[in-house]
Amino acid sequence: MMKFIGFVLLFFGFIVIAGSANDCDGKCMEQANTIGEMLTVISVGLIMSIAGGLILSKTGVFNE
């Protein structure tokens, strides 16, 4: 179960980081995130990814 949680955190952390700008190629800039919001989203995604990686390293996934 911990491996599953680790993989989910790692995966969704990367997805959150990839979608942090929340823009649509400049065609709807009024809906895009500000720099502060983008940095907050990146921080949350980075924390999720690190937590997932730590869980996976503690469960021994990388040693198999």
PDB file of N, CA and C in Angstrom:
ATOM      1  N   MET A   1       0.814  -1.193   0.000  1.00  0.00           N
ATOM      2  CA  MET A   1       0.000   0.000   0.000  1.00  0.00           C
ATOM      3  C   MET A   1       0.860   1.261   0.000  1.00  0.00           C
ATOM      4  N   MET A   2       1.969   1.225   0.759  1.00  0.00           N
ATOM      5  CA  MET A   2       2.843   2.393   0.791  1.00  0.00           C
ATOM      6  C   MET A   2       3.501   2.636  -0.566  1.00  0.00           C
ATOM      7  N   LYS A   3       3.798   1.566  -1.297  1.00  0.00           N
ATOM      8  CA  LYS A   3       4.372   1.736  -2.632  1.00  0.00           C
ATOM      9  C   LYS A   3       3.383   2.445  -3.548  1.00  0.00           C
ATOM     10  N   PHE A   4       2.111   2.069  -3.450  1.00  0.00           N
ATOM     11  CA  PHE A   4       1.071   2.696  -4.275  1.00  0.00           C
ATOM     12  C   PHE A   4       0.960   4.184  -3.942  1.00  0.00           C
ATOM     13  N   ILE A   5       0.939   4.515  -2.653  1.00  0.00           N
ATOM     14  CA  ILE A   5       0.852   5.914  -2.240  1.00  0.00           C
ATOM     15  C   ILE A   5       2.075   6.690  -2.733  1.00  0.00           C
ATOM     16  N   GLY A   6       3.246   6.079  -2.636  1.00  0.00           N
ATOM     17  CA  GLY A   6       4.464   6.729  -3.119  1.00  0.00           C
ATOM     18  C   GLY A   6       4.419   7.003  -4.610  1.00  0.00           C
ATOM     19  N   PHE A   7       3.973   6.008  -5.387  1.00  0.00           N
ATOM     20  CA  PHE A   7       3.873   6.199  -6.838  1.00  0.00           C
ATOM     21  C   PHE A   7       2.844   7.271  -7.188  1.00  0.00           C
ATOM     22  N   VAL A   8       1.718   7.280  -6.485  1.00  0.00           N
ATOM     23  CA  VAL A   8       0.683   8.280  -6.756  1.00  0.00           C
ATOM     24  C   VAL A   8       1.200   9.680  -6.442  1.00  0.00           C
ATOM     25  N   LEU A   9       1.847   9.853  -5.300  1.00  0.00           N
ATOM     26  CA  LEU A   9       2.401  11.163  -4.957  1.00  0.00           C
ATOM     27  C   LEU A   9       3.449  11.614  -5.966  1.00  0.00           C
ATOM     28  N   LEU A  10       4.318  10.707  -6.354  1.00  0.00           N
ATOM     29  CA  LEU A  10       5.357  11.042  -7.321  1.00  0.00           C
ATOM     30  C   LEU A  10       4.743  11.431  -8.668  1.00  0.00           C
ATOM     31  N   PHE A  11       3.801  10.651  -9.151  1.00  0.00           N
ATOM     32  CA  PHE A  11       3.169  10.905 -10.446  1.00  0.00           C
ATOM     33  C   PHE A  11       2.397  12.225 -10.441  1.00  0.00           C
ATOM     34  N   PHE A  12       1.527  12.399  -9.443  1.00  0.00           N
ATOM     35  CA  PHE A  12       0.723  13.612  -9.415  1.00  0.00           C
ATOM     36  C   PHE A  12       1.566  14.845  -9.100  1.00  0.00           C
ATOM     37  N   GLY A  13       2.660  14.673  -8.389  1.00  0.00           N
ATOM     38  CA  GLY A  13       3.572  15.795  -8.172  1.00  0.00           C
ATOM     39  C   GLY A  13       4.153  16.297  -9.476  1.00  0.00           C
ATOM     40  N   PHE A  14       4.561  15.371 -10.344  1.00  0.00           N
ATOM     41  CA  PHE A  14       5.078  15.772 -11.654  1.00  0.00           C
ATOM     42  C   PHE A  14       3.997  16.417 -12.517  1.00  0.00           C
ATOM     43  N   ILE A  15       2.775  15.896 -12.452  1.00  0.00           N
ATOM     44  CA  ILE A  15       1.672  16.473 -13.222  1.00  0.00           C
ATOM     45  C   ILE A  15       1.368  17.892 -12.741  1.00  0.00           C
ATOM     46  N   VAL A  16       1.379  18.097 -11.420  1.00  0.00           N
ATOM     47  CA  VAL A  16       1.121  19.428 -10.859  1.00  0.00           C
ATOM     48  C   VAL A  16       2.203  20.402 -11.298  1.00  0.00           C
ATOM     49  N   ILE A  17       3.455  19.975 -11.270  1.00  0.00           N
ATOM     50  CA  ILE A  17       4.553  20.855 -11.694  1.00  0.00           C
ATOM     51  C   ILE A  17       4.413  21.190 -13.181  1.00  0.00           C
ATOM     52  N   ALA A  18       4.058  20.212 -13.988  1.00  0.00           N
ATOM     53  CA  ALA A  18       3.936  20.447 -15.431  1.00  0.00           C
ATOM     54  C   ALA A  18       2.792  21.406 -15.751  1.00  0.00           C
ATOM     55  N   GLY A  19       1.737  21.382 -14.976  1.00  0.00           N
ATOM     56  CA  GLY A  19       0.590  22.245 -15.249  1.00  0.00           C
ATOM     57  C   GLY A  19       0.555  23.492 -14.405  1.00  0.00           C
ATOM     58  N   SER A  20       1.675  23.892 -13.846  1.00  0.00           N
ATOM     59  CA  SER A  20       1.687  24.994 -12.875  1.00  0.00           C
ATOM     60  C   SER A  20       1.353  26.357 -13.474  1.00  0.00           C
ATOM     61  N   ALA A  21       1.631  26.588 -14.729  1.00  0.00           N
ATOM     62  CA  ALA A  21       1.394  27.913 -15.313  1.00  0.00           C
ATOM     63  C   ALA A  21      -0.088  28.171 -15.563  1.00  0.00           C
ATOM     64  N   ASN A  22      -0.854  27.134 -15.856  1.00  0.00           N
ATOM     65  CA  ASN A  22      -2.302  27.229 -16.073  1.00  0.00           C
ATOM     66  C   ASN A  22      -2.639  28.225 -17.182  1.00  0.00           C
ATOM     67  N   ASP A  23      -1.874  28.205 -18.237  1.00  0.00           N
ATOM     68  CA  ASP A  23      -2.168  29.105 -19.341  1.00  0.00           C
ATOM     69  C   ASP A  23      -2.620  28.297 -20.560  1.00  0.00           C
ATOM     70  N   CYS A  24      -3.031  29.019 -21.580  1.00  0.00           N
ATOM     71  CA  CYS A  24      -3.478  28.344 -22.809  1.00  0.00           C
ATOM     72  C   CYS A  24      -2.866  29.040 -24.016  1.00  0.00           C
ATOM     73  N   ASP A  25      -1.553  29.018 -24.085  1.00  0.00           N
ATOM     74  CA  ASP A  25      -0.784  29.547 -25.218  1.00  0.00           C
ATOM     75  C   ASP A  25      -1.022  31.034 -25.473  1.00  0.00           C
ATOM     76  N   GLY A  26      -1.301  31.800 -24.430  1.00  0.00           N
ATOM     77  CA  GLY A  26      -1.450  33.240 -24.568  1.00  0.00           C
ATOM     78  C   GLY A  26      -2.794  33.706 -25.073  1.00  0.00           C
ATOM     79  N   LYS A  27      -3.707  32.782 -25.383  1.00  0.00           N
ATOM     80  CA  LYS A  27      -5.008  33.167 -25.922  1.00  0.00           C
ATOM     81  C   LYS A  27      -6.002  33.551 -24.825  1.00  0.00           C
ATOM     82  N   CYS A  28      -5.701  33.216 -23.582  1.00  0.00           N
ATOM     83  CA  CYS A  28      -6.612  33.564 -22.472  1.00  0.00           C
ATOM     84  C   CYS A  28      -5.784  33.968 -21.260  1.00  0.00           C
ATOM     85  N   MET A  29      -4.993  34.993 -21.383  1.00  0.00           N
ATOM     86  CA  MET A  29      -4.088  35.408 -20.326  1.00  0.00           C
ATOM     87  C   MET A  29      -4.818  35.881 -19.072  1.00  0.00           C
ATOM     88  N   GLU A  30      -6.082  36.264 -19.205  1.00  0.00           N
ATOM     89  CA  GLU A  30      -6.812  36.711 -18.023  1.00  0.00           C
ATOM     90  C   GLU A  30      -7.093  35.557 -17.066  1.00  0.00           C
ATOM     91  N   GLN A  31      -6.965  34.317 -17.539  1.00  0.00           N
ATOM     92  CA  GLN A  31      -7.186  33.155 -16.686  1.00  0.00           C
ATOM     93  C   GLN A  31      -5.878  32.518 -16.195  1.00  0.00           C
ATOM     94  N   ALA A  32      -4.757  33.031 -16.634  1.00  0.00           N
ATOM     95  CA  ALA A  32      -3.467  32.451 -16.251  1.00  0.00           C
ATOM     96  C   ALA A  32      -3.127  32.807 -14.802  1.00  0.00           C
ATOM     97  N   ASN A  33      -2.294  31.969 -14.175  1.00  0.00           N
ATOM     98  CA  ASN A  33      -1.861  32.213 -12.803  1.00  0.00           C
ATOM     99  C   ASN A  33      -0.842  33.343 -12.754  1.00  0.00           C
ATOM    100  N   THR A  34      -0.804  34.027 -11.626  1.00  0.00           N
ATOM    101  CA  THR A  34       0.251  35.015 -11.405  1.00  0.00           C
ATOM    102  C   THR A  34       1.537  34.263 -11.046  1.00  0.00           C
ATOM    103  N   ILE A  35       2.649  34.987 -10.972  1.00  0.00           N
ATOM    104  CA  ILE A  35       3.926  34.351 -10.634  1.00  0.00           C
ATOM    105  C   ILE A  35       3.869  33.738  -9.241  1.00  0.00           C
ATOM    106  N   GLY A  36       3.263  34.449  -8.299  1.00  0.00           N
ATOM    107  CA  GLY A  36       3.149  33.928  -6.937  1.00  0.00           C
ATOM    108  C   GLY A  36       2.336  32.648  -6.867  1.00  0.00           C
ATOM    109  N   GLU A  37       1.208  32.619  -7.585  1.00  0.00           N
ATOM    110  CA  GLU A  37       0.389  31.406  -7.617  1.00  0.00           C
ATOM    111  C   GLU A  37       1.134  30.259  -8.275  1.00  0.00           C
ATOM    112  N   MET A  38       1.871  30.576  -9.347  1.00  0.00           N
ATOM    113  CA  MET A  38       2.614  29.538 -10.043  1.00  0.00           C
ATOM    114  C   MET A  38       3.706  28.951  -9.147  1.00  0.00           C
ATOM    115  N   LEU A  39       4.415  29.794  -8.398  1.00  0.00           N
ATOM    116  CA  LEU A  39       5.452  29.306  -7.493  1.00  0.00           C
ATOM    117  C   LEU A  39       4.858  28.478  -6.364  1.00  0.00           C
ATOM    118  N   THR A  40       3.666  28.844  -5.906  1.00  0.00           N
ATOM    119  CA  THR A  40       2.992  28.058  -4.870  1.00  0.00           C
ATOM    120  C   THR A  40       2.634  26.678  -5.392  1.00  0.00           C
ATOM    121  N   VAL A  41       2.093  26.616  -6.602  1.00  0.00           N
ATOM    122  CA  VAL A  41       1.724  25.330  -7.195  1.00  0.00           C
ATOM    123  C   VAL A  41       2.965  24.476  -7.436  1.00  0.00           C
ATOM    124  N   ILE A  42       4.043  25.091  -7.903  1.00  0.00           N
ATOM    125  CA  ILE A  42       5.292  24.359  -8.116  1.00  0.00           C
ATOM    126  C   ILE A  42       5.814  23.807  -6.797  1.00  0.00           C
ATOM    127  N   SER A  43       5.727  24.609  -5.741  1.00  0.00           N
ATOM    128  CA  SER A  43       6.197  24.151  -4.422  1.00  0.00           C
ATOM    129  C   SER A  43       5.394  22.948  -3.937  1.00  0.00           C
ATOM    130  N   VAL A  44       4.089  23.005  -4.095  1.00  0.00           N
ATOM    131  CA  VAL A  44       3.240  21.875  -3.683  1.00  0.00           C
ATOM    132  C   VAL A  44       3.598  20.632  -4.492  1.00  0.00           C
ATOM    133  N   GLY A  45       3.762  20.776  -5.804  1.00  0.00           N
ATOM    134  CA  GLY A  45       4.128  19.642  -6.647  1.00  0.00           C
ATOM    135  C   GLY A  45       5.493  19.080  -6.294  1.00  0.00           C
ATOM    136  N   LEU A  46       6.430  19.949  -5.972  1.00  0.00           N
ATOM    137  CA  LEU A  46       7.769  19.503  -5.597  1.00  0.00           C
ATOM    138  C   LEU A  46       7.743  18.752  -4.269  1.00  0.00           C
ATOM    139  N   ILE A  47       6.972  19.245  -3.316  1.00  0.00           N
ATOM    140  CA  ILE A  47       6.848  18.567  -2.032  1.00  0.00           C
ATOM    141  C   ILE A  47       6.189  17.202  -2.211  1.00  0.00           C
ATOM    142  N   MET A  48       5.158  17.134  -3.065  1.00  0.00           N
ATOM    143  CA  MET A  48       4.509  15.847  -3.331  1.00  0.00           C
ATOM    144  C   MET A  48       5.493  14.864  -3.957  1.00  0.00           C
ATOM    145  N   SER A  49       6.274  15.332  -4.924  1.00  0.00           N
ATOM    146  CA  SER A  49       7.229  14.458  -5.600  1.00  0.00           C
ATOM    147  C   SER A  49       8.318  13.976  -4.646  1.00  0.00           C
ATOM    148  N   ILE A  50       8.814  14.870  -3.819  1.00  0.00           N
ATOM    149  CA  ILE A  50       9.851  14.486  -2.857  1.00  0.00           C
ATOM    150  C   ILE A  50       9.294  13.495  -1.849  1.00  0.00           C
ATOM    151  N   ALA A  51       8.080  13.752  -1.359  1.00  0.00           N
ATOM    152  CA  ALA A  51       7.466  12.831  -0.397  1.00  0.00           C
ATOM    153  C   ALA A  51       7.254  11.455  -1.019  1.00  0.00           C
ATOM    154  N   GLY A  52       6.779  11.421  -2.258  1.00  0.00           N
ATOM    155  CA  GLY A  52       6.596  10.143  -2.944  1.00  0.00           C
ATOM    156  C   GLY A  52       7.909   9.419  -3.159  1.00  0.00           C
ATOM    157  N   GLY A  53       8.947  10.165  -3.533  1.00  0.00           N
ATOM    158  CA  GLY A  53      10.260   9.551  -3.715  1.00  0.00           C
ATOM    159  C   GLY A  53      10.843   9.008  -2.422  1.00  0.00           C
ATOM    160  N   LEU A  54      10.644   9.751  -1.332  1.00  0.00           N
ATOM    161  CA  LEU A  54      11.126   9.268  -0.035  1.00  0.00           C
ATOM    162  C   LEU A  54      10.381   8.008   0.399  1.00  0.00           C
ATOM    163  N   ILE A  55       9.073   7.993   0.194  1.00  0.00           N
ATOM    164  CA  ILE A  55       8.298   6.797   0.540  1.00  0.00           C
ATOM    165  C   ILE A  55       8.782   5.603  -0.268  1.00  0.00           C
ATOM    166  N   LEU A  56       9.009   5.822  -1.554  1.00  0.00           N
ATOM    167  CA  LEU A  56       9.464   4.719  -2.405  1.00  0.00           C
ATOM    168  C   LEU A  56      10.866   4.264  -2.034  1.00  0.00           C
ATOM    169  N   SER A  57      11.724   5.187  -1.658  1.00  0.00           N
ATOM    170  CA  SER A  57      13.076   4.779  -1.274  1.00  0.00           C
ATOM    171  C   SER A  57      13.069   4.022   0.052  1.00  0.00           C
ATOM    172  N   LYS A  58      12.191   4.399   0.970  1.00  0.00           N
ATOM    173  CA  LYS A  58      12.112   3.706   2.257  1.00  0.00           C
ATOM    174  C   LYS A  58      11.480   2.322   2.130  1.00  0.00           C
ATOM    175  N   THR A  59      10.603   2.132   1.143  1.00  0.00           N
ATOM    176  CA  THR A  59       9.987   0.820   0.959  1.00  0.00           C
ATOM    177  C   THR A  59      10.876  -0.109   0.131  1.00  0.00           C
ATOM    178  N   GLY A  60      11.964   0.403  -0.424  1.00  0.00           N
ATOM    179  CA  GLY A  60      12.918  -0.440  -1.133  1.00  0.00           C
ATOM    180  C   GLY A  60      12.609  -0.668  -2.606  1.00  0.00           C
ATOM    181  N   VAL A  61      11.796   0.191  -3.194  1.00  0.00           N
ATOM    182  CA  VAL A  61      11.458   0.021  -4.609  1.00  0.00           C
ATOM    183  C   VAL A  61      12.687   0.195  -5.497  1.00  0.00           C
ATOM    184  N   PHE A  62      13.551   1.121  -5.137  1.00  0.00           N
ATOM    185  CA  PHE A  62      14.709   1.409  -5.979  1.00  0.00           C
ATOM    186  C   PHE A  62      15.823   0.369  -5.788  1.00  0.00           C
ATOM    187  N   ASN A  63      15.716  -0.482  -4.788  1.00  0.00           N
ATOM    188  CA  ASN A  63      16.731  -1.504  -4.524  1.00  0.00           C
ATOM    189  C   ASN A  63      16.410  -2.847  -5.166  1.00  0.00           C
ATOM    190  N   GLU A  64      15.239  -2.958  -5.758  1.00  0.00           N
ATOM    191  CA  GLU A  64      14.824  -4.251  -6.349  1.00  0.00           C
ATOM    192  C   GLU A  64      15.450  -4.483  -7.687  1.00  0.00           C
TER     193      GLU A  64
END
